[in-house]
Amino acid sequence: MGRVIKLLMERDGISEDEAREQCTSVKEQIDEIVDTNTGFSTLEQIEEIIADELGLEPDYIDDFLF
């Protein structure tokens, strides 16, 4: 998530702690979806969370899954 944290800090002008908090919240939401769902809709839900919560493209999905 380091790449996303750095991006949020630079783009949004927020502190590292704020960026970490946002990423942690998104990661928790994603983990919940992964634990309870399977299939293509899961990927779509994760992409939507990343877009809605952080304003990022699906390119950053790997930062939250691995």
N, C-alpha and C. Protein backbone atom coordinates (compact mmCIF):
# COMPACT_ATOMS: atom_id res chain seq x y z
N MET A 1 0.81 -1.20 0.00
CA MET A 1 0.00 0.00 0.00
C MET A 1 0.85 1.26 0.00
N GLY A 2 2.15 1.08 0.10
CA GLY A 2 3.03 2.25 0.16
C GLY A 2 2.88 3.17 -1.03
N ARG A 3 2.71 2.59 -2.20
CA ARG A 3 2.54 3.40 -3.41
C ARG A 3 1.27 4.24 -3.33
N VAL A 4 0.20 3.65 -2.81
CA VAL A 4 -1.07 4.37 -2.69
C VAL A 4 -0.97 5.46 -1.63
N ILE A 5 -0.33 5.16 -0.53
CA ILE A 5 -0.16 6.15 0.54
C ILE A 5 0.59 7.36 0.00
N LYS A 6 1.67 7.12 -0.69
CA LYS A 6 2.47 8.22 -1.26
C LYS A 6 1.63 9.04 -2.24
N LEU A 7 0.88 8.35 -3.08
CA LEU A 7 0.04 9.04 -4.06
C LEU A 7 -1.00 9.92 -3.37
N LEU A 8 -1.67 9.38 -2.36
CA LEU A 8 -2.69 10.15 -1.64
C LEU A 8 -2.09 11.38 -0.97
N MET A 9 -0.91 11.20 -0.39
CA MET A 9 -0.25 12.32 0.27
C MET A 9 0.06 13.43 -0.72
N GLU A 10 0.60 13.06 -1.87
CA GLU A 10 0.97 14.05 -2.88
C GLU A 10 -0.27 14.66 -3.55
N ARG A 11 -1.21 13.83 -3.92
CA ARG A 11 -2.40 14.30 -4.64
C ARG A 11 -3.33 15.13 -3.76
N ASP A 12 -3.55 14.62 -2.53
CA ASP A 12 -4.55 15.25 -1.66
C ASP A 12 -3.96 16.19 -0.62
N GLY A 13 -2.64 16.21 -0.52
CA GLY A 13 -1.99 17.09 0.46
C GLY A 13 -2.32 16.70 1.88
N ILE A 14 -2.39 15.39 2.15
CA ILE A 14 -2.70 14.92 3.49
C ILE A 14 -1.46 14.30 4.12
N SER A 15 -1.54 14.10 5.42
CA SER A 15 -0.40 13.51 6.14
C SER A 15 -0.32 12.02 5.86
N GLU A 16 0.81 11.45 6.21
CA GLU A 16 0.99 10.01 6.05
C GLU A 16 -0.01 9.24 6.92
N ASP A 17 -0.24 9.74 8.13
CA ASP A 17 -1.20 9.07 9.01
C ASP A 17 -2.60 9.06 8.41
N GLU A 18 -3.02 10.19 7.84
CA GLU A 18 -4.35 10.26 7.21
C GLU A 18 -4.44 9.31 6.02
N ALA A 19 -3.39 9.27 5.22
CA ALA A 19 -3.37 8.38 4.06
C ALA A 19 -3.41 6.92 4.51
N ARG A 20 -2.67 6.60 5.55
CA ARG A 20 -2.68 5.23 6.08
C ARG A 20 -4.07 4.85 6.60
N GLU A 21 -4.71 5.77 7.29
CA GLU A 21 -6.05 5.51 7.81
C GLU A 21 -7.03 5.22 6.67
N GLN A 22 -6.95 6.01 5.61
CA GLN A 22 -7.82 5.78 4.46
C GLN A 22 -7.55 4.42 3.84
N CYS A 23 -6.30 4.09 3.67
CA CYS A 23 -5.94 2.80 3.06
C CYS A 23 -6.35 1.65 3.95
N THR A 24 -6.19 1.79 5.25
CA THR A 24 -6.59 0.74 6.18
C THR A 24 -8.09 0.50 6.11
N SER A 25 -8.86 1.58 6.05
CA SER A 25 -10.31 1.46 5.93
C SER A 25 -10.70 0.73 4.66
N VAL A 26 -10.08 1.10 3.55
CA VAL A 26 -10.37 0.45 2.27
C VAL A 26 -9.96 -1.02 2.32
N LYS A 27 -8.79 -1.30 2.87
CA LYS A 27 -8.31 -2.69 2.98
C LYS A 27 -9.29 -3.53 3.80
N GLU A 28 -9.81 -2.99 4.88
CA GLU A 28 -10.78 -3.72 5.71
C GLU A 28 -12.05 -4.01 4.92
N GLN A 29 -12.53 -3.05 4.16
CA GLN A 29 -13.72 -3.27 3.34
C GLN A 29 -13.47 -4.35 2.29
N ILE A 30 -12.31 -4.30 1.67
CA ILE A 30 -11.96 -5.28 0.64
C ILE A 30 -11.84 -6.67 1.25
N ASP A 31 -11.18 -6.77 2.40
CA ASP A 31 -11.03 -8.07 3.06
C ASP A 31 -12.38 -8.68 3.40
N GLU A 32 -13.31 -7.85 3.84
CA GLU A 32 -14.65 -8.34 4.16
C GLU A 32 -15.34 -8.90 2.91
N ILE A 33 -15.21 -8.20 1.81
CA ILE A 33 -15.82 -8.67 0.56
C ILE A 33 -15.17 -9.97 0.10
N VAL A 34 -13.86 -10.04 0.16
CA VAL A 34 -13.15 -11.25 -0.28
C VAL A 34 -13.54 -12.44 0.61
N ASP A 35 -13.70 -12.20 1.90
CA ASP A 35 -14.04 -13.29 2.82
C ASP A 35 -15.47 -13.81 2.62
N THR A 36 -16.35 -12.98 2.10
CA THR A 36 -17.76 -13.37 2.02
C THR A 36 -18.26 -13.64 0.61
N ASN A 37 -17.51 -13.27 -0.41
CA ASN A 37 -17.98 -13.41 -1.79
C ASN A 37 -16.93 -14.11 -2.65
N THR A 38 -17.40 -14.57 -3.79
CA THR A 38 -16.49 -15.12 -4.79
C THR A 38 -17.01 -14.72 -6.16
N GLY A 39 -16.14 -14.81 -7.15
CA GLY A 39 -16.56 -14.56 -8.51
C GLY A 39 -16.25 -13.17 -9.01
N PHE A 40 -16.71 -12.93 -10.23
CA PHE A 40 -16.42 -11.67 -10.92
C PHE A 40 -17.03 -10.47 -10.21
N SER A 41 -18.19 -10.63 -9.60
CA SER A 41 -18.82 -9.49 -8.92
C SER A 41 -17.95 -8.99 -7.78
N THR A 42 -17.17 -9.89 -7.18
CA THR A 42 -16.27 -9.48 -6.11
C THR A 42 -15.25 -8.48 -6.63
N LEU A 43 -14.67 -8.76 -7.77
CA LEU A 43 -13.70 -7.86 -8.38
C LEU A 43 -14.34 -6.50 -8.68
N GLU A 44 -15.53 -6.52 -9.20
CA GLU A 44 -16.24 -5.26 -9.49
C GLU A 44 -16.49 -4.47 -8.21
N GLN A 45 -16.86 -5.16 -7.14
CA GLN A 45 -17.09 -4.48 -5.86
C GLN A 45 -15.80 -3.84 -5.33
N ILE A 46 -14.71 -4.56 -5.45
CA ILE A 46 -13.43 -4.04 -4.98
C ILE A 46 -13.02 -2.81 -5.80
N GLU A 47 -13.17 -2.89 -7.10
CA GLU A 47 -12.85 -1.75 -7.96
C GLU A 47 -13.69 -0.54 -7.58
N GLU A 48 -14.96 -0.78 -7.27
CA GLU A 48 -15.87 0.31 -6.90
C GLU A 48 -15.45 0.96 -5.58
N ILE A 49 -15.04 0.15 -4.62
CA ILE A 49 -14.58 0.68 -3.33
C ILE A 49 -13.35 1.56 -3.54
N ILE A 50 -12.40 1.08 -4.31
CA ILE A 50 -11.17 1.85 -4.55
C ILE A 50 -11.49 3.17 -5.24
N ALA A 51 -12.40 3.13 -6.19
CA ALA A 51 -12.79 4.35 -6.91
C ALA A 51 -13.56 5.30 -6.00
N ASP A 52 -14.54 4.79 -5.27
CA ASP A 52 -15.39 5.64 -4.44
C ASP A 52 -14.66 6.21 -3.24
N GLU A 53 -13.89 5.38 -2.57
CA GLU A 53 -13.24 5.80 -1.33
C GLU A 53 -11.96 6.60 -1.55
N LEU A 54 -11.21 6.25 -2.60
CA LEU A 54 -9.91 6.87 -2.80
C LEU A 54 -9.79 7.64 -4.11
N GLY A 55 -10.76 7.48 -4.99
CA GLY A 55 -10.70 8.17 -6.28
C GLY A 55 -9.62 7.61 -7.18
N LEU A 56 -9.36 6.30 -7.07
CA LEU A 56 -8.30 5.67 -7.85
C LEU A 56 -8.87 4.70 -8.87
N GLU A 57 -8.11 4.50 -9.91
CA GLU A 57 -8.47 3.56 -10.97
C GLU A 57 -8.22 2.13 -10.49
N PRO A 58 -8.80 1.15 -11.18
CA PRO A 58 -8.60 -0.25 -10.81
C PRO A 58 -7.13 -0.71 -10.87
N ASP A 59 -6.28 0.07 -11.48
CA ASP A 59 -4.85 -0.27 -11.57
C ASP A 59 -4.24 -0.51 -10.19
N TYR A 60 -4.84 0.03 -9.16
CA TYR A 60 -4.27 -0.04 -7.81
C TYR A 60 -4.81 -1.21 -6.99
N ILE A 61 -5.61 -2.06 -7.61
CA ILE A 61 -6.21 -3.19 -6.89
C ILE A 61 -5.15 -4.11 -6.28
N ASP A 62 -4.06 -4.32 -7.00
CA ASP A 62 -3.00 -5.20 -6.49
C ASP A 62 -2.40 -4.70 -5.18
N ASP A 63 -2.38 -3.40 -4.99
CA ASP A 63 -1.83 -2.83 -3.77
C ASP A 63 -2.64 -3.25 -2.55
N PHE A 64 -3.89 -3.60 -2.73
CA PHE A 64 -4.75 -3.96 -1.62
C PHE A 64 -4.94 -5.47 -1.48
N LEU A 65 -4.68 -6.21 -2.53
CA LEU A 65 -4.92 -7.65 -2.49
C LEU A 65 -3.66 -8.45 -2.15
N PHE A 66 -2.49 -7.88 -2.40
CA PHE A 66 -1.26 -8.64 -2.18
C PHE A 66 -0.35 -7.94 -1.21
